[in-house]
Amino acid sequence: MTSMFLLGFFISGLNNLISSACAADLGKQESLKGNQRATSTVTGIIDGTGTLGSAAGQYIIGVTQAKWSWQNGYLLVVAIVTSATIIPIVGIAIREV
């Protein structure tokens, strides 16, 4: 139970940090200067998308755990995160070479 708390604490912190960084970068865009409504809308979309992804991830872990055990649930999360990291890096490497 303690490890689940710590995992949730650190994952949520990263999610909030990334959303805040995107919102801060968005606030510096010249095309949105003076249009606070558009900035607020896009910031909400960024935050909502991150939250929706987090909720979907928790649902997937629950379904996987119920069918195949906790160990396989964590292995699924590791596989998804690894794939989500490797695929963009390979695309960047191909473009650069």
Protein backbone atom coordinates (compact mmCIF):
# COMPACT_ATOMS: atom_id res chain seq x y z
CA MET A 1 0.00 0.00 0.00
CA THR A 2 2.85 2.37 0.78
CA SER A 3 4.49 1.68 -2.58
CA MET A 4 1.21 2.41 -4.39
CA PHE A 5 0.97 5.73 -2.55
CA LEU A 6 4.53 6.64 -3.49
CA LEU A 7 4.06 5.61 -7.13
CA GLY A 8 0.90 7.71 -7.39
CA PHE A 9 2.59 10.64 -5.66
CA PHE A 10 5.57 10.67 -8.01
CA ILE A 11 3.58 10.00 -11.19
CA SER A 12 1.08 12.74 -10.42
CA GLY A 13 3.91 15.14 -9.70
CA LEU A 14 5.46 14.49 -13.10
CA ASN A 15 2.11 14.84 -14.83
CA ASN A 16 1.52 18.22 -13.17
CA LEU A 17 5.05 19.37 -13.97
CA ILE A 18 4.70 18.54 -17.65
CA SER A 19 1.27 20.21 -17.86
CA SER A 20 2.60 23.33 -16.15
CA ALA A 21 5.61 23.50 -18.45
CA CYS A 22 3.36 23.21 -21.51
CA ALA A 23 1.05 25.92 -20.18
CA ALA A 24 3.98 28.24 -19.40
CA ASP A 25 5.39 27.72 -22.89
CA LEU A 26 1.97 28.36 -24.35
CA GLY A 27 1.72 31.65 -22.47
CA LYS A 28 4.87 32.87 -24.25
CA GLN A 29 3.43 32.36 -27.75
CA GLU A 30 3.06 35.63 -29.65
CA SER A 31 -0.13 34.51 -31.42
CA LEU A 32 -1.94 34.12 -28.09
CA LYS A 33 -0.73 37.32 -26.39
CA GLY A 34 -3.69 39.28 -25.13
CA ASN A 35 -6.16 36.45 -25.71
CA GLN A 36 -6.53 35.00 -22.24
CA ARG A 37 -9.58 32.97 -23.15
CA ALA A 38 -7.71 31.02 -25.83
CA THR A 39 -4.75 30.48 -23.51
CA SER A 40 -7.06 29.22 -20.76
CA THR A 41 -8.87 26.90 -23.15
CA VAL A 42 -5.70 25.32 -24.51
CA THR A 43 -4.22 25.01 -21.02
CA GLY A 44 -7.38 23.21 -19.90
CA ILE A 45 -7.19 20.88 -22.88
CA ILE A 46 -3.55 20.05 -22.07
CA ASP A 47 -4.35 19.38 -18.40
CA GLY A 48 -7.51 17.42 -19.24
CA THR A 49 -5.65 15.24 -21.74
CA GLY A 50 -2.99 14.41 -19.14
CA THR A 51 -5.62 13.59 -16.56
CA LEU A 52 -7.59 11.44 -19.02
CA GLY A 53 -4.43 9.53 -19.92
CA SER A 54 -3.69 8.97 -16.24
CA ALA A 55 -7.22 7.69 -15.63
CA ALA A 56 -7.04 5.36 -18.64
CA GLY A 57 -3.72 4.01 -17.39
CA GLN A 58 -5.17 3.26 -13.98
CA TYR A 59 -8.13 1.49 -15.59
CA ILE A 60 -5.81 -0.63 -17.77
CA ILE A 61 -3.74 -1.59 -14.73
CA GLY A 62 -6.88 -2.66 -12.86
CA VAL A 63 -8.18 -4.78 -15.73
CA THR A 64 -4.77 -6.38 -16.29
CA GLN A 65 -4.36 -7.09 -12.58
CA ALA A 66 -7.78 -8.71 -12.36
CA LYS A 67 -7.08 -11.00 -15.32
CA TRP A 68 -3.39 -11.80 -15.04
CA SER A 69 -2.06 -10.67 -11.59
CA TRP A 70 -0.23 -7.61 -10.32
CA GLN A 71 3.13 -8.57 -11.76
CA ASN A 72 1.76 -8.66 -15.29
CA GLY A 73 -0.03 -5.36 -14.69
CA TYR A 74 3.25 -3.68 -13.86
CA LEU A 75 4.98 -5.38 -16.79
CA LEU A 76 2.28 -3.99 -19.08
CA VAL A 77 2.89 -0.48 -17.74
CA VAL A 78 6.65 -0.89 -18.24
CA ALA A 79 6.08 -2.12 -21.81
CA ILE A 80 3.78 0.82 -22.63
CA VAL A 81 6.15 3.41 -21.16
CA THR A 82 9.15 1.85 -22.89
CA SER A 83 7.33 1.78 -26.22
CA ALA A 84 6.11 5.36 -25.80
CA THR A 85 9.73 6.39 -25.20
CA ILE A 86 11.47 4.33 -27.88
CA ILE A 87 9.09 5.04 -30.78
CA PRO A 88 9.64 8.84 -30.84
CA ILE A 89 13.39 8.43 -30.31
CA VAL A 90 13.62 6.07 -33.29
CA GLY A 91 11.66 8.56 -35.40
CA ILE A 92 14.01 11.38 -34.42
CA ALA A 93 17.08 9.20 -35.09
CA ILE A 94 15.81 8.25 -38.55
CA ARG A 95 15.10 11.89 -39.39
CA GLU A 96 18.56 12.98 -38.21
CA VAL A 97 20.44 10.26 -40.07
